[in-house]
Amino acid sequence: MKNLNNIILIGPMATGKSSIGKEVSVLTGWKNYPVDKLKWYYRYKNGFDGVKSSTILQSKGFDALVSYSQKYFGIQELRDLINNFSGIIELGASDTHRNDLNYIRDINKLLEPYPNIFLILPYEDEDLSIEILTKRLRSRYHLDPLKSGVLMSYINKNLEFIRSPQNLLLAKHIIYTNDRPFHQIAQEIVYRSELKSKDTDYKNVI
């Protein structure tokens, strides 16, 4: 059953969605649902091969891994998750950007009723955002034995996520983090959220 009070966080990789989602959860008392973790249930249920995915990543890079993984977690699974979970929902970068016109149409239709969709970006300046997120990805993965060898494929795919107009079309609000503390960003999200039920009011917490 849809909960139109859901707070949905979108954005490229390394933009801080998970840390911000946890802080919003603390403020609201709502559960936080990171889709990048929850989607593993659906993937393996649908026949995802973890060994094959690792081989694809190491031999062909992150873009190829995304293409493979999307076969096992698509719009039907995302619809099931969003419609049946209530709280803060963090969508992965690849959930909101795909080179598939049918998927773009379907996700626009799926998310259209939700007023609290927040696009998280470091800065309004796109070049500065790219610089910051690239540094974060390098720091995150340069020692990872599986991902360090294909680090540039992560960086290049994230550039695609950042520059895609799709996130701007989906977002109802844009949050520029501007190096602010996560709890402060969470307060802004809670304050700007539009509630569809008078029975749900958490704004007195900020």
N, C-alpha and C. Protein backbone atom coordinates (compact mmCIF):
# COMPACT_ATOMS: atom_id res chain seq x y z
N MET A 1 0.84 -1.20 0.00
CA MET A 1 0.00 0.00 0.00
C MET A 1 0.87 1.25 0.00
N LYS A 2 0.60 2.17 -0.90
CA LYS A 2 1.41 3.38 -1.01
C LYS A 2 1.35 4.22 0.25
N ASN A 3 2.50 4.75 0.64
CA ASN A 3 2.55 5.76 1.70
C ASN A 3 3.15 7.01 1.08
N LEU A 4 2.29 7.99 0.76
CA LEU A 4 2.75 9.18 0.07
C LEU A 4 3.56 10.11 0.96
N ASN A 5 3.68 9.75 2.26
CA ASN A 5 4.56 10.51 3.14
C ASN A 5 6.01 10.02 3.06
N ASN A 6 6.25 8.94 2.34
CA ASN A 6 7.61 8.44 2.20
C ASN A 6 8.56 9.55 1.77
N ILE A 7 9.74 9.56 2.36
CA ILE A 7 10.80 10.45 1.93
C ILE A 7 11.74 9.63 1.07
N ILE A 8 11.91 10.03 -0.19
CA ILE A 8 12.70 9.27 -1.15
C ILE A 8 13.93 10.07 -1.53
N LEU A 9 15.10 9.50 -1.30
CA LEU A 9 16.37 10.16 -1.60
C LEU A 9 16.95 9.59 -2.88
N ILE A 10 17.34 10.47 -3.79
CA ILE A 10 17.94 10.05 -5.05
C ILE A 10 19.23 10.84 -5.27
N GLY A 11 20.05 10.35 -6.20
CA GLY A 11 21.29 11.06 -6.51
C GLY A 11 22.37 10.11 -6.96
N PRO A 12 23.50 10.64 -7.43
CA PRO A 12 24.62 9.81 -7.90
C PRO A 12 25.31 9.10 -6.76
N MET A 13 26.28 8.27 -7.10
CA MET A 13 27.06 7.56 -6.08
C MET A 13 27.90 8.55 -5.27
N ALA A 14 28.07 8.24 -3.98
CA ALA A 14 28.95 8.98 -3.07
C ALA A 14 28.43 10.37 -2.73
N THR A 15 27.16 10.62 -2.97
CA THR A 15 26.60 11.94 -2.67
C THR A 15 26.13 12.07 -1.23
N GLY A 16 26.10 10.95 -0.49
CA GLY A 16 25.77 11.00 0.93
C GLY A 16 24.38 10.55 1.29
N LYS A 17 23.69 9.87 0.38
CA LYS A 17 22.31 9.47 0.62
C LYS A 17 22.17 8.59 1.86
N SER A 18 23.07 7.64 2.02
CA SER A 18 22.95 6.70 3.14
C SER A 18 23.14 7.39 4.49
N SER A 19 24.16 8.23 4.59
CA SER A 19 24.40 8.94 5.85
C SER A 19 23.26 9.90 6.16
N ILE A 20 22.75 10.57 5.15
CA ILE A 20 21.64 11.50 5.35
C ILE A 20 20.38 10.74 5.71
N GLY A 21 20.15 9.62 5.03
CA GLY A 21 18.97 8.80 5.33
C GLY A 21 18.94 8.36 6.78
N LYS A 22 20.09 7.99 7.33
CA LYS A 22 20.16 7.58 8.73
C LYS A 22 19.80 8.74 9.66
N GLU A 23 20.26 9.94 9.32
CA GLU A 23 19.96 11.11 10.15
C GLU A 23 18.48 11.48 10.07
N VAL A 24 17.88 11.36 8.88
CA VAL A 24 16.45 11.62 8.74
C VAL A 24 15.66 10.60 9.56
N SER A 25 16.14 9.36 9.58
CA SER A 25 15.50 8.32 10.37
C SER A 25 15.53 8.66 11.86
N VAL A 26 16.65 9.19 12.32
CA VAL A 26 16.77 9.59 13.73
C VAL A 26 15.78 10.71 14.06
N LEU A 27 15.66 11.68 13.17
CA LEU A 27 14.76 12.81 13.41
C LEU A 27 13.29 12.42 13.41
N THR A 28 12.93 11.55 12.48
CA THR A 28 11.52 11.22 12.28
C THR A 28 11.06 10.00 13.08
N GLY A 29 11.99 9.14 13.44
CA GLY A 29 11.62 7.87 14.04
C GLY A 29 11.17 6.85 13.02
N TRP A 30 11.30 7.19 11.74
CA TRP A 30 10.91 6.28 10.66
C TRP A 30 12.07 5.37 10.30
N LYS A 31 11.76 4.21 9.78
CA LYS A 31 12.80 3.29 9.35
C LYS A 31 13.43 3.79 8.05
N ASN A 32 14.71 3.45 7.90
CA ASN A 32 15.47 3.83 6.71
C ASN A 32 15.70 2.59 5.84
N TYR A 33 15.36 2.68 4.55
CA TYR A 33 15.46 1.53 3.65
C TYR A 33 16.41 1.84 2.49
N PRO A 34 17.66 1.38 2.57
CA PRO A 34 18.59 1.56 1.45
C PRO A 34 18.34 0.51 0.36
N VAL A 35 17.86 0.96 -0.78
CA VAL A 35 17.46 0.03 -1.84
C VAL A 35 18.66 -0.77 -2.35
N ASP A 36 19.85 -0.17 -2.36
CA ASP A 36 21.02 -0.90 -2.84
C ASP A 36 21.29 -2.16 -2.02
N LYS A 37 20.84 -2.19 -0.78
CA LYS A 37 20.98 -3.40 0.04
C LYS A 37 19.75 -4.30 -0.10
N LEU A 38 18.58 -3.71 -0.12
CA LEU A 38 17.35 -4.50 -0.20
C LEU A 38 17.21 -5.23 -1.54
N LYS A 39 17.78 -4.68 -2.59
CA LYS A 39 17.60 -5.27 -3.92
C LYS A 39 18.29 -6.62 -4.07
N TRP A 40 19.22 -6.95 -3.16
CA TRP A 40 19.87 -8.25 -3.25
C TRP A 40 18.88 -9.39 -3.06
N TYR A 41 17.89 -9.17 -2.22
CA TYR A 41 16.84 -10.21 -2.04
C TYR A 41 16.17 -10.51 -3.37
N TYR A 42 15.79 -9.45 -4.08
CA TYR A 42 15.09 -9.62 -5.35
C TYR A 42 16.03 -10.23 -6.40
N ARG A 43 17.27 -9.76 -6.42
CA ARG A 43 18.21 -10.27 -7.42
C ARG A 43 18.40 -11.77 -7.31
N TYR A 44 18.72 -12.23 -6.10
CA TYR A 44 18.98 -13.67 -5.96
C TYR A 44 17.70 -14.48 -6.15
N LYS A 45 16.58 -13.91 -5.78
CA LYS A 45 15.30 -14.56 -6.01
C LYS A 45 15.06 -14.74 -7.51
N ASN A 46 15.56 -13.80 -8.31
CA ASN A 46 15.34 -13.81 -9.75
C ASN A 46 16.46 -14.51 -10.53
N GLY A 47 17.42 -15.11 -9.81
CA GLY A 47 18.44 -15.90 -10.49
C GLY A 47 19.77 -15.22 -10.70
N PHE A 48 20.03 -14.12 -10.01
CA PHE A 48 21.30 -13.41 -10.10
C PHE A 48 22.46 -14.33 -9.71
N ASP A 49 23.56 -14.26 -10.47
CA ASP A 49 24.75 -15.08 -10.23
C ASP A 49 25.87 -14.19 -9.71
N GLY A 50 26.19 -14.30 -8.42
CA GLY A 50 27.19 -13.44 -7.81
C GLY A 50 28.59 -13.66 -8.37
N VAL A 51 28.94 -14.90 -8.67
CA VAL A 51 30.26 -15.19 -9.24
C VAL A 51 30.37 -14.58 -10.64
N LYS A 52 29.34 -14.74 -11.44
CA LYS A 52 29.34 -14.17 -12.78
C LYS A 52 29.43 -12.66 -12.72
N SER A 53 28.73 -12.04 -11.76
CA SER A 53 28.75 -10.59 -11.65
C SER A 53 30.15 -10.08 -11.32
N SER A 54 30.88 -10.81 -10.45
CA SER A 54 32.25 -10.41 -10.11
C SER A 54 33.16 -10.50 -11.33
N THR A 55 32.98 -11.55 -12.12
CA THR A 55 33.77 -11.72 -13.34
C THR A 55 33.49 -10.59 -14.33
N ILE A 56 32.22 -10.23 -14.47
CA ILE A 56 31.84 -9.14 -15.37
C ILE A 56 32.47 -7.84 -14.91
N LEU A 57 32.42 -7.56 -13.60
CA LEU A 57 32.99 -6.33 -13.07
C LEU A 57 34.49 -6.26 -13.36
N GLN A 58 35.21 -7.32 -13.07
CA GLN A 58 36.66 -7.31 -13.22
C GLN A 58 37.11 -7.28 -14.68
N SER A 59 36.32 -7.88 -15.57
CA SER A 59 36.73 -7.95 -16.98
C SER A 59 36.18 -6.82 -17.83
N LYS A 60 35.00 -6.31 -17.46
CA LYS A 60 34.35 -5.33 -18.32
C LYS A 60 34.04 -4.01 -17.64
N GLY A 61 34.10 -3.98 -16.30
CA GLY A 61 33.88 -2.72 -15.60
C GLY A 61 32.47 -2.55 -15.06
N PHE A 62 32.28 -1.42 -14.37
CA PHE A 62 31.05 -1.18 -13.63
C PHE A 62 29.84 -1.02 -14.54
N ASP A 63 30.02 -0.39 -15.68
CA ASP A 63 28.90 -0.19 -16.60
C ASP A 63 28.30 -1.52 -17.02
N ALA A 64 29.17 -2.48 -17.32
CA ALA A 64 28.70 -3.81 -17.70
C ALA A 64 28.03 -4.51 -16.53
N LEU A 65 28.56 -4.32 -15.33
CA LEU A 65 27.94 -4.91 -14.14
C LEU A 65 26.54 -4.36 -13.93
N VAL A 66 26.37 -3.05 -14.11
CA VAL A 66 25.05 -2.43 -13.96
C VAL A 66 24.07 -3.04 -14.96
N SER A 67 24.52 -3.19 -16.21
CA SER A 67 23.64 -3.76 -17.25
C SER A 67 23.22 -5.18 -16.89
N TYR A 68 24.15 -5.96 -16.37
CA TYR A 68 23.82 -7.33 -15.97
C TYR A 68 22.86 -7.33 -14.78
N SER A 69 23.15 -6.53 -13.76
CA SER A 69 22.36 -6.54 -12.53
C SER A 69 20.93 -6.06 -12.76
N GLN A 70 20.75 -5.15 -13.71
CA GLN A 70 19.43 -4.59 -13.95
C GLN A 70 18.45 -5.62 -14.50
N LYS A 71 18.98 -6.73 -15.01
CA LYS A 71 18.09 -7.79 -15.49
C LYS A 71 17.35 -8.46 -14.33
N TYR A 72 17.88 -8.31 -13.13
CA TYR A 72 17.35 -9.03 -11.97
C TYR A 72 16.70 -8.11 -10.95
N PHE A 73 16.72 -6.80 -11.23
CA PHE A 73 16.02 -5.85 -10.38
C PHE A 73 15.56 -4.71 -11.27
N GLY A 74 14.28 -4.75 -11.64
CA GLY A 74 13.74 -3.77 -12.57
C GLY A 74 12.60 -2.98 -11.96
N ILE A 75 11.79 -2.41 -12.82
CA ILE A 75 10.73 -1.53 -12.36
C ILE A 75 9.68 -2.28 -11.54
N GLN A 76 9.42 -3.53 -11.87
CA GLN A 76 8.43 -4.30 -11.11
C GLN A 76 8.88 -4.48 -9.67
N GLU A 77 10.16 -4.82 -9.49
CA GLU A 77 10.70 -5.01 -8.14
C GLU A 77 10.75 -3.69 -7.39
N LEU A 78 11.13 -2.63 -8.08
CA LEU A 78 11.19 -1.32 -7.43
C LEU A 78 9.81 -0.86 -7.01
N ARG A 79 8.82 -1.12 -7.85
CA ARG A 79 7.44 -0.76 -7.51
C ARG A 79 6.98 -1.52 -6.27
N ASP A 80 7.29 -2.78 -6.21
CA ASP A 80 6.91 -3.59 -5.06
C ASP A 80 7.54 -3.04 -3.79
N LEU A 81 8.79 -2.68 -3.88
CA LEU A 81 9.52 -2.18 -2.71
C LEU A 81 8.97 -0.83 -2.24
N ILE A 82 8.83 0.11 -3.17
CA ILE A 82 8.39 1.45 -2.79
C ILE A 82 6.95 1.44 -2.29
N ASN A 83 6.11 0.63 -2.91
CA ASN A 83 4.70 0.60 -2.51
C ASN A 83 4.45 -0.12 -1.19
N ASN A 84 5.42 -0.93 -0.76
CA ASN A 84 5.19 -1.75 0.43
C ASN A 84 6.06 -1.38 1.62
N PHE A 85 6.92 -0.39 1.45
CA PHE A 85 7.75 0.07 2.56
C PHE A 85 7.36 1.50 2.92
N SER A 86 7.36 1.79 4.20
CA SER A 86 7.01 3.14 4.67
C SER A 86 8.17 3.70 5.47
N GLY A 87 8.61 4.88 5.09
CA GLY A 87 9.69 5.53 5.81
C GLY A 87 10.58 6.32 4.88
N ILE A 88 11.90 6.17 5.06
CA ILE A 88 12.88 6.84 4.22
C ILE A 88 13.44 5.80 3.26
N ILE A 89 13.35 6.09 1.98
CA ILE A 89 13.79 5.13 0.96
C ILE A 89 14.93 5.76 0.16
N GLU A 90 16.09 5.10 0.19
CA GLU A 90 17.25 5.57 -0.56
C GLU A 90 17.35 4.78 -1.86
N LEU A 91 17.15 5.44 -2.97
CA LEU A 91 17.30 4.77 -4.25
C LEU A 91 18.76 4.81 -4.69
N GLY A 92 19.22 3.71 -5.28
CA GLY A 92 20.58 3.68 -5.82
C GLY A 92 20.67 4.54 -7.07
N ALA A 93 21.90 4.94 -7.40
CA ALA A 93 22.09 5.81 -8.57
C ALA A 93 21.56 5.16 -9.84
N SER A 94 21.73 3.86 -9.99
CA SER A 94 21.28 3.18 -11.20
C SER A 94 19.78 2.92 -11.22
N ASP A 95 19.10 3.18 -10.11
CA ASP A 95 17.65 3.01 -10.07
C ASP A 95 16.92 4.16 -10.74
N THR A 96 17.56 5.32 -10.81
CA THR A 96 16.89 6.49 -11.37
C THR A 96 17.44 6.91 -12.72
N HIS A 97 18.54 6.27 -13.15
CA HIS A 97 19.08 6.58 -14.48
C HIS A 97 19.37 5.29 -15.23
N ARG A 98 18.70 5.11 -16.34
CA ARG A 98 18.97 3.98 -17.23
C ARG A 98 18.78 4.44 -18.67
N ASN A 99 19.52 3.83 -19.55
CA ASN A 99 19.40 4.16 -20.97
C ASN A 99 18.31 3.30 -21.61
N ASP A 100 17.14 3.42 -21.06
CA ASP A 100 15.99 2.60 -21.48
C ASP A 100 14.75 3.47 -21.38
N LEU A 101 14.19 3.83 -22.53
CA LEU A 101 13.06 4.76 -22.55
C LEU A 101 11.84 4.18 -21.83
N ASN A 102 11.63 2.88 -21.94
CA ASN A 102 10.50 2.27 -21.25
C ASN A 102 10.67 2.37 -19.73
N TYR A 103 11.89 2.13 -19.26
CA TYR A 103 12.15 2.23 -17.82
C TYR A 103 11.97 3.67 -17.35
N ILE A 104 12.48 4.61 -18.11
CA ILE A 104 12.34 6.03 -17.75
C ILE A 104 10.86 6.41 -17.64
N ARG A 105 10.08 5.97 -18.60
CA ARG A 105 8.64 6.23 -18.56
C ARG A 105 8.01 5.62 -17.32
N ASP A 106 8.38 4.39 -17.03
CA ASP A 106 7.76 3.67 -15.90
C ASP A 106 8.16 4.25 -14.55
N ILE A 107 9.43 4.64 -14.39
CA ILE A 107 9.83 5.17 -13.09
C ILE A 107 9.27 6.57 -12.88
N ASN A 108 9.13 7.33 -13.95
CA ASN A 108 8.46 8.63 -13.81
C ASN A 108 7.02 8.44 -13.33
N LYS A 109 6.34 7.46 -13.90
CA LYS A 109 4.96 7.18 -13.51
C LYS A 109 4.90 6.67 -12.08
N LEU A 110 5.86 5.81 -11.69
CA LEU A 110 5.88 5.24 -10.35
C LEU A 110 6.10 6.32 -9.28
N LEU A 111 7.01 7.23 -9.52
CA LEU A 111 7.39 8.21 -8.49
C LEU A 111 6.56 9.49 -8.54
N GLU A 112 5.82 9.69 -9.60
CA GLU A 112 5.07 10.95 -9.76
C GLU A 112 4.18 11.29 -8.57
N PRO A 113 3.47 10.33 -7.94
CA PRO A 113 2.56 10.71 -6.84
C PRO A 113 3.28 11.13 -5.56
N TYR A 114 4.57 10.83 -5.43
CA TYR A 114 5.28 11.08 -4.17
C TYR A 114 5.85 12.50 -4.15
N PRO A 115 5.42 13.32 -3.17
CA PRO A 115 5.88 14.71 -3.13
C PRO A 115 7.26 14.91 -2.51
N ASN A 116 7.74 13.90 -1.78
CA ASN A 116 8.98 14.08 -1.01
C ASN A 116 10.15 13.33 -1.64
N ILE A 117 10.45 13.69 -2.88
CA ILE A 117 11.59 13.12 -3.58
C ILE A 117 12.71 14.16 -3.59
N PHE A 118 13.81 13.84 -2.91
CA PHE A 118 14.90 14.78 -2.73
C PHE A 118 16.14 14.33 -3.51
N LEU A 119 16.58 15.16 -4.43
CA LEU A 119 17.83 14.93 -5.14
C LEU A 119 18.97 15.52 -4.31
N ILE A 120 19.94 14.68 -3.95
CA ILE A 120 21.06 15.10 -3.12
C ILE A 120 22.29 15.32 -3.99
N LEU A 121 22.85 16.54 -3.94
CA LEU A 121 24.06 16.88 -4.69
C LEU A 121 24.99 17.69 -3.79
N PRO A 122 26.31 17.59 -3.99
CA PRO A 122 27.22 18.36 -3.14
C PRO A 122 27.09 19.87 -3.32
N TYR A 123 27.03 20.32 -4.57
CA TYR A 123 26.98 21.76 -4.84
C TYR A 123 26.12 22.02 -6.07
N GLU A 124 25.66 23.23 -6.20
CA GLU A 124 24.90 23.62 -7.38
C GLU A 124 25.79 23.62 -8.62
N ASP A 125 27.06 23.96 -8.44
CA ASP A 125 28.03 23.94 -9.53
C ASP A 125 28.33 22.49 -9.92
N GLU A 126 27.97 22.11 -11.13
CA GLU A 126 28.11 20.71 -11.56
C GLU A 126 29.56 20.25 -11.56
N ASP A 127 30.47 21.11 -12.05
CA ASP A 127 31.89 20.73 -12.13
C ASP A 127 32.46 20.48 -10.74
N LEU A 128 32.07 21.31 -9.78
CA LEU A 128 32.54 21.13 -8.41
C LEU A 128 31.97 19.85 -7.81
N SER A 129 30.71 19.57 -8.08
CA SER A 129 30.10 18.33 -7.60
C SER A 129 30.83 17.12 -8.17
N ILE A 130 31.15 17.17 -9.46
CA ILE A 130 31.87 16.07 -10.10
C ILE A 130 33.24 15.88 -9.44
N GLU A 131 33.93 16.97 -9.19
CA GLU A 131 35.25 16.88 -8.56
C GLU A 131 35.17 16.23 -7.18
N ILE A 132 34.20 16.65 -6.39
CA ILE A 132 34.05 16.13 -5.03
C ILE A 132 33.67 14.65 -5.06
N LEU A 133 32.70 14.29 -5.87
CA LEU A 133 32.23 12.91 -5.91
C LEU A 133 33.30 11.97 -6.47
N THR A 134 34.08 12.45 -7.41
CA THR A 134 35.18 11.65 -7.95
C THR A 134 36.22 11.37 -6.86
N LYS A 135 36.55 12.38 -6.07
CA LYS A 135 37.49 12.18 -4.96
C LYS A 135 36.94 11.17 -3.95
N ARG A 136 35.64 11.24 -3.69
CA ARG A 136 35.03 10.31 -2.73
C ARG A 136 35.08 8.88 -3.25
N LEU A 137 34.81 8.70 -4.53
CA LEU A 137 34.86 7.35 -5.10
C LEU A 137 36.29 6.80 -5.08
N ARG A 138 37.26 7.66 -5.38
CA ARG A 138 38.65 7.21 -5.32
C ARG A 138 39.01 6.78 -3.91
N SER A 139 38.60 7.57 -2.93
CA SER A 139 38.90 7.24 -1.54
C SER A 139 38.19 5.96 -1.10
N ARG A 140 36.99 5.77 -1.58
CA ARG A 140 36.17 4.63 -1.17
C ARG A 140 36.68 3.31 -1.75
N TYR A 141 37.16 3.34 -3.00
CA TYR A 141 37.42 2.09 -3.70
C TYR A 141 38.88 1.82 -4.05
N HIS A 142 39.80 2.75 -3.78
CA HIS A 142 41.16 2.55 -4.28
C HIS A 142 41.88 1.38 -3.62
N LEU A 143 41.42 0.96 -2.43
CA LEU A 143 42.02 -0.19 -1.76
C LEU A 143 41.15 -1.44 -1.84
N ASP A 144 40.00 -1.33 -2.50
CA ASP A 144 39.09 -2.47 -2.62
C ASP A 144 39.66 -3.45 -3.65
N PRO A 145 39.94 -4.69 -3.25
CA PRO A 145 40.57 -5.63 -4.19
C PRO A 145 39.72 -5.96 -5.41
N LEU A 146 38.42 -5.84 -5.30
CA LEU A 146 37.53 -6.15 -6.41
C LEU A 146 37.31 -4.95 -7.32
N LYS A 147 37.28 -3.75 -6.72
CA LYS A 147 36.87 -2.56 -7.47
C LYS A 147 38.00 -1.62 -7.86
N SER A 148 39.15 -1.72 -7.20
CA SER A 148 40.23 -0.77 -7.47
C SER A 148 40.72 -0.85 -8.91
N GLY A 149 40.72 -2.05 -9.48
CA GLY A 149 41.20 -2.22 -10.86
C GLY A 149 40.27 -1.62 -11.90
N VAL A 150 39.03 -1.39 -11.54
CA VAL A 150 38.05 -0.82 -12.49
C VAL A 150 37.49 0.48 -11.93
N LEU A 151 38.28 1.17 -11.13
CA LEU A 151 37.82 2.39 -10.48
C LEU A 151 37.33 3.44 -11.49
N MET A 152 38.05 3.57 -12.61
CA MET A 152 37.65 4.58 -13.59
C MET A 152 36.28 4.28 -14.18
N SER A 153 35.89 3.01 -14.23
CA SER A 153 34.56 2.69 -14.75
C SER A 153 33.47 3.18 -13.80
N TYR A 154 33.75 3.15 -12.49
CA TYR A 154 32.83 3.71 -11.50
C TYR A 154 32.73 5.22 -11.67
N ILE A 155 33.88 5.86 -11.82
CA ILE A 155 33.93 7.31 -11.96
C ILE A 155 33.19 7.76 -13.21
N ASN A 156 33.44 7.08 -14.33
CA ASN A 156 32.81 7.46 -15.59
C ASN A 156 31.30 7.24 -15.54
N LYS A 157 30.88 6.13 -14.92
CA LYS A 157 29.44 5.89 -14.81
C LYS A 157 28.78 6.94 -13.92
N ASN A 158 29.49 7.35 -12.88
CA ASN A 158 28.92 8.37 -12.00
C ASN A 158 28.79 9.71 -12.71
N LEU A 159 29.72 10.02 -13.60
CA LEU A 159 29.61 11.24 -14.40
C LEU A 159 28.31 11.21 -15.22
N GLU A 160 28.00 10.04 -15.73
CA GLU A 160 26.74 9.87 -16.48
C GLU A 160 25.54 10.11 -15.58
N PHE A 161 25.59 9.58 -14.35
CA PHE A 161 24.50 9.79 -13.40
C PHE A 161 24.33 11.27 -13.09
N ILE A 162 25.45 11.96 -12.85
CA ILE A 162 25.40 13.37 -12.46
C ILE A 162 24.83 14.23 -13.58
N ARG A 163 25.24 13.94 -14.79
CA ARG A 163 24.86 14.78 -15.94
C ARG A 163 23.50 14.41 -16.53
N SER A 164 22.94 13.31 -16.09
CA SER A 164 21.65 12.89 -16.62
C SER A 164 20.55 13.85 -16.17
N PRO A 165 19.66 14.27 -17.08
CA PRO A 165 18.53 15.11 -16.69
C PRO A 165 17.45 14.33 -15.94
N GLN A 166 17.57 13.00 -15.92
CA GLN A 166 16.51 12.17 -15.36
C GLN A 166 16.30 12.46 -13.88
N ASN A 167 17.38 12.62 -13.12
CA ASN A 167 17.22 12.90 -11.70
C ASN A 167 16.52 14.24 -11.46
N LEU A 168 16.83 15.22 -12.28
CA LEU A 168 16.17 16.52 -12.15
C LEU A 168 14.68 16.41 -12.46
N LEU A 169 14.33 15.55 -13.40
CA LEU A 169 12.92 15.37 -13.75
C LEU A 169 12.16 14.65 -12.64
N LEU A 170 12.83 13.73 -11.97
CA LEU A 170 12.18 12.97 -10.90
C LEU A 170 12.06 13.77 -9.60
N ALA A 171 13.03 14.62 -9.34
CA ALA A 171 13.10 15.31 -8.04
C ALA A 171 11.99 16.33 -7.86
N LYS A 172 11.44 16.36 -6.66
CA LYS A 172 10.50 17.42 -6.27
C LYS A 172 11.23 18.50 -5.47
N HIS A 173 12.38 18.15 -4.94
CA HIS A 173 13.22 19.08 -4.18
C HIS A 173 14.68 18.75 -4.49
N ILE A 174 15.53 19.77 -4.46
CA ILE A 174 16.97 19.56 -4.61
C ILE A 174 17.66 20.05 -3.34
N ILE A 175 18.53 19.21 -2.80
CA ILE A 175 19.30 19.57 -1.61
C ILE A 175 20.78 19.63 -2.00
N TYR A 176 21.39 20.80 -1.81
CA TYR A 176 22.83 20.95 -2.00
C TYR A 176 23.47 20.87 -0.62
N THR A 177 24.31 19.87 -0.44
CA THR A 177 24.84 19.61 0.90
C THR A 177 25.86 20.66 1.34
N ASN A 178 26.65 21.19 0.39
CA ASN A 178 27.58 22.30 0.70
C ASN A 178 28.46 22.03 1.91
N ASP A 179 28.91 20.79 2.08
CA ASP A 179 29.79 20.41 3.19
C ASP A 179 29.16 20.64 4.57
N ARG A 180 27.84 20.70 4.63
CA ARG A 180 27.17 20.86 5.92
C ARG A 180 27.12 19.54 6.68
N PRO A 181 26.97 19.59 8.00
CA PRO A 181 26.81 18.34 8.77
C PRO A 181 25.55 17.59 8.33
N PHE A 182 25.61 16.26 8.39
CA PHE A 182 24.48 15.46 7.93
C PHE A 182 23.20 15.75 8.72
N HIS A 183 23.32 16.01 10.01
CA HIS A 183 22.10 16.26 10.80
C HIS A 183 21.43 17.54 10.36
N GLN A 184 22.22 18.51 9.90
CA GLN A 184 21.65 19.77 9.43
C GLN A 184 20.92 19.57 8.10
N ILE A 185 21.49 18.77 7.24
CA ILE A 185 20.85 18.45 5.96
C ILE A 185 19.55 17.69 6.21
N ALA A 186 19.58 16.76 7.15
CA ALA A 186 18.38 16.00 7.50
C ALA A 186 17.28 16.91 8.01
N GLN A 187 17.64 17.90 8.81
CA GLN A 187 16.66 18.86 9.30
C GLN A 187 16.00 19.61 8.16
N GLU A 188 16.78 19.99 7.16
CA GLU A 188 16.22 20.69 6.00
C GLU A 188 15.24 19.79 5.25
N ILE A 189 15.60 18.52 5.09
CA ILE A 189 14.72 17.59 4.39
C ILE A 189 13.40 17.43 5.13
N VAL A 190 13.48 17.24 6.44
CA VAL A 190 12.26 17.09 7.24
C VAL A 190 11.41 18.36 7.14
N TYR A 191 12.04 19.50 7.22
CA TYR A 191 11.31 20.77 7.19
C TYR A 191 10.60 20.97 5.84
N ARG A 192 11.24 20.57 4.77
CA ARG A 192 10.69 20.80 3.43
C ARG A 192 9.73 19.70 2.99
N SER A 193 9.64 18.62 3.73
CA SER A 193 8.76 17.52 3.34
C SER A 193 7.29 17.93 3.42
N GLU A 194 6.52 17.42 2.47
CA GLU A 194 5.08 17.69 2.43
C GLU A 194 4.35 16.44 2.89
N LEU A 195 3.58 16.57 3.96
CA LEU A 195 2.87 15.42 4.50
C LEU A 195 1.46 15.35 3.93
N LYS A 196 1.04 14.16 3.58
CA LYS A 196 -0.27 13.96 2.98
C LYS A 196 -1.32 13.53 3.98
N SER A 197 -0.94 13.42 5.25
CA SER A 197 -1.89 13.04 6.29
C SER A 197 -1.67 13.89 7.52
N LYS A 198 -2.72 14.48 8.06
CA LYS A 198 -2.60 15.29 9.27
C LYS A 198 -2.24 14.44 10.48
N ASP A 199 -2.45 13.12 10.34
CA ASP A 199 -2.13 12.22 11.45
C ASP A 199 -0.63 11.99 11.59
N THR A 200 0.12 12.42 10.58
CA THR A 200 1.57 12.21 10.61
C THR A 200 2.25 13.57 10.68
N ASP A 201 2.83 13.87 11.81
CA ASP A 201 3.49 15.16 11.98
C ASP A 201 4.76 14.97 12.79
N TYR A 202 5.90 15.11 12.12
CA TYR A 202 7.15 14.96 12.84
C TYR A 202 7.95 16.27 12.87
N LYS A 203 7.38 17.37 12.38
CA LYS A 203 8.15 18.60 12.26
C LYS A 203 8.45 19.24 13.61
N ASN A 204 7.78 18.76 14.65
CA ASN A 204 8.09 19.31 15.97
C ASN A 204 9.43 18.81 16.50
N VAL A 205 10.09 17.91 15.77
CA VAL A 205 11.37 17.36 16.26
C VAL A 205 12.54 18.25 15.89
N ILE A 206 12.34 19.27 15.03
CA ILE A 206 13.47 20.09 14.62
C ILE A 206 13.34 21.51 15.17
